[in-house]
Amino acid sequence: NGIDSSTATRATEGWGGSWYDIYESDAGALSLMTTRWDSDTDASEFQEALLNSFSSDAENGGTWTEDGRTFSVVGGGDTVVVITSTDADALARVLAVIEQSV
C-alpha cells in the first residue's frame, strides 16, 4: 500500500478539517473519518490518492479488506468520508446511508 510523497503532499493541500466517529458493539467496531476540503477539487484529489493507496488490497464492489477490516470511501462536493469496520455487514449498512447523503 501507499503512494509517493509528492502525490500525498498534493492530495492533502486544501484540507479544511476532519472529525471521527467511533462505534463499538459485540459484533465489532466501526469508525468514520469525515474530511472537509477547501474545494470540491481538493476533495476529489484526496479521494483519488486515497483510493490509489488501496491498490494492493482486495476490492469487492467499492469496499476493500485487509487484516480482518473492511473499508470504503465515499465522496461528494467538498466532503470525503472514510469508513472502516471489523463488521462488514455494519459497514455495508452505514455505507448505504452515507451514499444517499453525500
N, C-alpha and C. Protein backbone atom coordinates (compact mmCIF):
# COMPACT_ATOMS: atom_id res chain seq x y z
N ASN A 1 0.83 -1.18 0.00
CA ASN A 1 0.00 0.00 0.00
C ASN A 1 0.87 1.24 0.00
N GLY A 2 0.26 2.31 -0.38
CA GLY A 2 0.95 3.57 -0.27
C GLY A 2 1.05 4.31 -1.59
N ILE A 3 1.38 5.57 -1.47
CA ILE A 3 1.61 6.43 -2.61
C ILE A 3 2.87 7.21 -2.36
N ASP A 4 3.44 7.77 -3.41
CA ASP A 4 4.69 8.51 -3.22
C ASP A 4 4.42 9.82 -2.48
N SER A 5 5.46 10.39 -1.90
CA SER A 5 5.29 11.56 -1.04
C SER A 5 4.80 12.79 -1.78
N SER A 6 5.20 12.98 -3.04
CA SER A 6 4.72 14.16 -3.76
C SER A 6 3.22 14.06 -4.05
N THR A 7 2.73 12.85 -4.35
CA THR A 7 1.30 12.65 -4.55
C THR A 7 0.56 12.89 -3.24
N ALA A 8 1.10 12.40 -2.14
CA ALA A 8 0.47 12.60 -0.83
C ALA A 8 0.41 14.07 -0.46
N THR A 9 1.47 14.81 -0.75
CA THR A 9 1.50 16.24 -0.44
C THR A 9 0.44 16.98 -1.25
N ARG A 10 0.37 16.71 -2.55
CA ARG A 10 -0.65 17.35 -3.40
C ARG A 10 -2.06 16.99 -2.93
N ALA A 11 -2.24 15.74 -2.54
CA ALA A 11 -3.57 15.25 -2.15
C ALA A 11 -4.06 15.87 -0.84
N THR A 12 -3.16 16.35 -0.01
CA THR A 12 -3.58 16.90 1.28
C THR A 12 -3.61 18.43 1.29
N GLU A 13 -3.24 19.06 0.18
CA GLU A 13 -3.37 20.51 0.10
C GLU A 13 -4.85 20.85 0.05
N GLY A 14 -5.25 21.86 0.77
CA GLY A 14 -6.65 22.25 0.77
C GLY A 14 -7.48 21.57 1.84
N TRP A 15 -6.81 20.85 2.76
CA TRP A 15 -7.53 20.18 3.83
C TRP A 15 -8.19 21.23 4.72
N GLY A 16 -9.49 21.07 4.97
CA GLY A 16 -10.23 22.04 5.74
C GLY A 16 -10.64 21.57 7.12
N GLY A 17 -10.28 20.33 7.48
CA GLY A 17 -10.61 19.81 8.79
C GLY A 17 -11.23 18.42 8.69
N SER A 18 -11.33 17.76 9.83
CA SER A 18 -11.94 16.44 9.86
C SER A 18 -12.41 16.12 11.27
N TRP A 19 -13.25 15.10 11.36
CA TRP A 19 -13.67 14.59 12.66
C TRP A 19 -13.90 13.10 12.55
N TYR A 20 -13.87 12.44 13.70
CA TYR A 20 -14.01 10.99 13.77
C TYR A 20 -15.22 10.62 14.60
N ASP A 21 -15.87 9.54 14.18
CA ASP A 21 -16.93 8.92 14.97
C ASP A 21 -16.55 7.45 15.10
N ILE A 22 -16.61 6.92 16.31
CA ILE A 22 -16.25 5.52 16.55
C ILE A 22 -17.39 4.84 17.29
N TYR A 23 -17.75 3.66 16.79
CA TYR A 23 -18.85 2.88 17.37
C TYR A 23 -18.36 1.47 17.65
N GLU A 24 -18.78 0.91 18.78
CA GLU A 24 -18.43 -0.46 19.13
C GLU A 24 -19.67 -1.22 19.58
N SER A 25 -19.68 -2.51 19.25
CA SER A 25 -20.73 -3.40 19.72
C SER A 25 -20.11 -4.78 19.89
N ASP A 26 -20.93 -5.73 20.30
CA ASP A 26 -20.42 -7.10 20.41
C ASP A 26 -19.98 -7.65 19.06
N ALA A 27 -20.56 -7.12 17.97
CA ALA A 27 -20.24 -7.60 16.62
C ALA A 27 -18.94 -7.04 16.09
N GLY A 28 -18.46 -5.92 16.65
CA GLY A 28 -17.21 -5.34 16.17
C GLY A 28 -17.19 -3.84 16.36
N ALA A 29 -16.27 -3.20 15.64
CA ALA A 29 -16.10 -1.75 15.73
C ALA A 29 -16.22 -1.13 14.35
N LEU A 30 -16.64 0.13 14.33
CA LEU A 30 -16.77 0.87 13.09
C LEU A 30 -16.33 2.30 13.34
N SER A 31 -15.54 2.85 12.42
CA SER A 31 -15.14 4.25 12.55
C SER A 31 -15.43 4.99 11.26
N LEU A 32 -15.76 6.25 11.41
CA LEU A 32 -15.98 7.15 10.28
C LEU A 32 -15.01 8.31 10.44
N MET A 33 -14.28 8.62 9.40
CA MET A 33 -13.46 9.83 9.37
C MET A 33 -14.05 10.71 8.28
N THR A 34 -14.65 11.80 8.69
CA THR A 34 -15.26 12.73 7.74
C THR A 34 -14.29 13.89 7.55
N THR A 35 -13.90 14.13 6.30
CA THR A 35 -12.97 15.21 6.00
C THR A 35 -13.67 16.27 5.16
N ARG A 36 -13.32 17.51 5.40
CA ARG A 36 -13.82 18.64 4.60
C ARG A 36 -12.61 19.29 3.94
N TRP A 37 -12.86 19.80 2.74
CA TRP A 37 -11.79 20.36 1.92
C TRP A 37 -12.16 21.76 1.48
N ASP A 38 -11.15 22.56 1.12
CA ASP A 38 -11.38 23.94 0.70
C ASP A 38 -12.19 24.02 -0.59
N SER A 39 -12.12 22.98 -1.41
CA SER A 39 -12.86 22.98 -2.67
C SER A 39 -13.24 21.55 -3.05
N ASP A 40 -14.17 21.42 -3.98
CA ASP A 40 -14.54 20.11 -4.50
C ASP A 40 -13.34 19.44 -5.15
N THR A 41 -12.51 20.24 -5.84
CA THR A 41 -11.32 19.70 -6.50
C THR A 41 -10.35 19.12 -5.49
N ASP A 42 -10.13 19.83 -4.37
CA ASP A 42 -9.25 19.33 -3.32
C ASP A 42 -9.77 18.00 -2.77
N ALA A 43 -11.07 17.92 -2.56
CA ALA A 43 -11.67 16.68 -2.04
C ALA A 43 -11.48 15.54 -3.04
N SER A 44 -11.69 15.81 -4.31
CA SER A 44 -11.53 14.78 -5.34
C SER A 44 -10.09 14.29 -5.43
N GLU A 45 -9.13 15.21 -5.32
CA GLU A 45 -7.72 14.83 -5.36
C GLU A 45 -7.38 13.92 -4.18
N PHE A 46 -7.87 14.26 -2.99
CA PHE A 46 -7.62 13.43 -1.82
C PHE A 46 -8.24 12.05 -2.00
N GLN A 47 -9.50 12.01 -2.44
CA GLN A 47 -10.18 10.73 -2.61
C GLN A 47 -9.46 9.86 -3.63
N GLU A 48 -9.04 10.43 -4.73
CA GLU A 48 -8.34 9.67 -5.76
C GLU A 48 -7.03 9.09 -5.22
N ALA A 49 -6.26 9.92 -4.51
CA ALA A 49 -4.99 9.43 -3.95
C ALA A 49 -5.23 8.34 -2.92
N LEU A 50 -6.26 8.51 -2.10
CA LEU A 50 -6.58 7.51 -1.08
C LEU A 50 -6.96 6.19 -1.74
N LEU A 51 -7.82 6.24 -2.75
CA LEU A 51 -8.22 5.01 -3.44
C LEU A 51 -7.03 4.34 -4.12
N ASN A 52 -6.13 5.13 -4.69
CA ASN A 52 -4.93 4.57 -5.30
C ASN A 52 -4.05 3.87 -4.27
N SER A 53 -4.07 4.36 -3.03
CA SER A 53 -3.24 3.74 -1.98
C SER A 53 -3.78 2.37 -1.58
N PHE A 54 -5.04 2.08 -1.92
CA PHE A 54 -5.65 0.78 -1.60
C PHE A 54 -5.37 -0.27 -2.67
N SER A 55 -4.59 0.04 -3.67
CA SER A 55 -4.46 -0.80 -4.86
C SER A 55 -4.05 -2.25 -4.58
N SER A 56 -3.32 -2.49 -3.51
CA SER A 56 -2.88 -3.87 -3.25
C SER A 56 -3.84 -4.64 -2.34
N ASP A 57 -4.91 -4.00 -1.87
CA ASP A 57 -5.89 -4.67 -1.02
C ASP A 57 -6.97 -5.32 -1.88
N ALA A 58 -7.67 -6.28 -1.32
CA ALA A 58 -8.72 -6.99 -2.04
C ALA A 58 -9.96 -6.11 -2.14
N GLU A 59 -10.39 -5.82 -3.37
CA GLU A 59 -11.58 -4.98 -3.58
C GLU A 59 -12.79 -5.85 -3.91
N ASN A 60 -13.93 -5.41 -3.37
CA ASN A 60 -15.18 -6.10 -3.66
C ASN A 60 -16.28 -5.04 -3.77
N GLY A 61 -16.53 -4.56 -4.98
CA GLY A 61 -17.62 -3.62 -5.21
C GLY A 61 -17.53 -2.32 -4.44
N GLY A 62 -16.39 -1.70 -4.37
CA GLY A 62 -16.25 -0.43 -3.68
C GLY A 62 -15.88 -0.53 -2.22
N THR A 63 -15.66 -1.75 -1.74
CA THR A 63 -15.12 -1.95 -0.39
C THR A 63 -13.83 -2.76 -0.51
N TRP A 64 -12.95 -2.55 0.43
CA TRP A 64 -11.67 -3.25 0.44
C TRP A 64 -11.52 -3.96 1.76
N THR A 65 -10.75 -5.04 1.76
CA THR A 65 -10.49 -5.76 3.01
C THR A 65 -8.99 -5.96 3.18
N GLU A 66 -8.60 -5.91 4.43
CA GLU A 66 -7.20 -6.16 4.80
C GLU A 66 -7.16 -6.49 6.29
N ASP A 67 -6.54 -7.61 6.62
CA ASP A 67 -6.32 -7.99 8.02
C ASP A 67 -7.58 -7.94 8.88
N GLY A 68 -8.70 -8.46 8.35
CA GLY A 68 -9.92 -8.52 9.14
C GLY A 68 -10.71 -7.23 9.21
N ARG A 69 -10.29 -6.22 8.47
CA ARG A 69 -11.02 -4.95 8.43
C ARG A 69 -11.58 -4.74 7.03
N THR A 70 -12.73 -4.12 6.97
CA THR A 70 -13.34 -3.73 5.71
C THR A 70 -13.40 -2.21 5.69
N PHE A 71 -13.12 -1.62 4.54
CA PHE A 71 -13.18 -0.17 4.48
C PHE A 71 -13.70 0.30 3.13
N SER A 72 -14.20 1.54 3.13
CA SER A 72 -14.74 2.15 1.93
C SER A 72 -14.56 3.65 2.03
N VAL A 73 -14.66 4.31 0.87
CA VAL A 73 -14.52 5.76 0.79
C VAL A 73 -15.68 6.30 -0.03
N VAL A 74 -16.32 7.35 0.49
CA VAL A 74 -17.43 8.00 -0.20
C VAL A 74 -17.13 9.48 -0.26
N GLY A 75 -17.29 10.06 -1.43
CA GLY A 75 -17.05 11.49 -1.57
C GLY A 75 -18.16 12.18 -2.32
N GLY A 76 -18.30 13.45 -2.04
CA GLY A 76 -19.26 14.29 -2.75
C GLY A 76 -19.02 15.73 -2.38
N GLY A 77 -18.91 16.59 -3.39
CA GLY A 77 -18.65 18.00 -3.11
C GLY A 77 -17.32 18.17 -2.41
N ASP A 78 -17.32 18.89 -1.30
CA ASP A 78 -16.07 19.16 -0.57
C ASP A 78 -15.86 18.19 0.59
N THR A 79 -16.56 17.04 0.58
CA THR A 79 -16.51 16.09 1.69
C THR A 79 -16.06 14.71 1.20
N VAL A 80 -15.19 14.08 2.00
CA VAL A 80 -14.80 12.69 1.77
C VAL A 80 -14.93 11.96 3.11
N VAL A 81 -15.63 10.82 3.10
CA VAL A 81 -15.83 10.03 4.31
C VAL A 81 -15.13 8.68 4.13
N VAL A 82 -14.29 8.32 5.10
CA VAL A 82 -13.61 7.03 5.12
C VAL A 82 -14.27 6.19 6.22
N ILE A 83 -14.76 5.02 5.85
CA ILE A 83 -15.44 4.13 6.79
C ILE A 83 -14.60 2.87 6.94
N THR A 84 -14.33 2.49 8.17
CA THR A 84 -13.56 1.28 8.46
C THR A 84 -14.30 0.47 9.51
N SER A 85 -14.36 -0.87 9.33
CA SER A 85 -15.08 -1.69 10.30
C SER A 85 -14.53 -3.10 10.35
N THR A 86 -14.65 -3.71 11.51
CA THR A 86 -14.36 -5.13 11.65
C THR A 86 -15.61 -5.96 11.39
N ASP A 87 -16.74 -5.29 11.15
CA ASP A 87 -18.02 -5.95 10.86
C ASP A 87 -18.46 -5.50 9.47
N ALA A 88 -18.25 -6.34 8.46
CA ALA A 88 -18.54 -5.99 7.07
C ALA A 88 -20.02 -5.66 6.86
N ASP A 89 -20.91 -6.34 7.55
CA ASP A 89 -22.35 -6.05 7.41
C ASP A 89 -22.68 -4.66 7.93
N ALA A 90 -22.10 -4.28 9.06
CA ALA A 90 -22.33 -2.94 9.61
C ALA A 90 -21.81 -1.88 8.64
N LEU A 91 -20.64 -2.12 8.06
CA LEU A 91 -20.10 -1.17 7.10
C LEU A 91 -21.04 -1.02 5.91
N ALA A 92 -21.58 -2.10 5.41
CA ALA A 92 -22.50 -2.04 4.26
C ALA A 92 -23.75 -1.23 4.59
N ARG A 93 -24.27 -1.38 5.80
CA ARG A 93 -25.46 -0.63 6.19
C ARG A 93 -25.16 0.86 6.30
N VAL A 94 -24.03 1.20 6.92
CA VAL A 94 -23.65 2.61 7.06
C VAL A 94 -23.33 3.21 5.70
N LEU A 95 -22.64 2.47 4.86
CA LEU A 95 -22.30 2.94 3.52
C LEU A 95 -23.56 3.28 2.72
N ALA A 96 -24.58 2.47 2.81
CA ALA A 96 -25.83 2.72 2.09
C ALA A 96 -26.46 4.04 2.52
N VAL A 97 -26.41 4.35 3.81
CA VAL A 97 -26.97 5.60 4.31
C VAL A 97 -26.13 6.78 3.87
N ILE A 98 -24.81 6.67 4.00
CA ILE A 98 -23.92 7.77 3.66
C ILE A 98 -23.98 8.09 2.17
N GLU A 99 -24.05 7.08 1.34
CA GLU A 99 -24.09 7.32 -0.11
C GLU A 99 -25.32 8.13 -0.50
N GLN A 100 -26.37 8.07 0.27
CA GLN A 100 -27.56 8.86 -0.02
C GLN A 100 -27.42 10.31 0.41
N SER A 101 -26.52 10.58 1.35
CA SER A 101 -26.44 11.93 1.90
C SER A 101 -25.22 12.73 1.46
N VAL A 102 -24.23 12.08 0.86
CA VAL A 102 -23.02 12.81 0.45
C VAL A 102 -23.10 13.14 -1.02
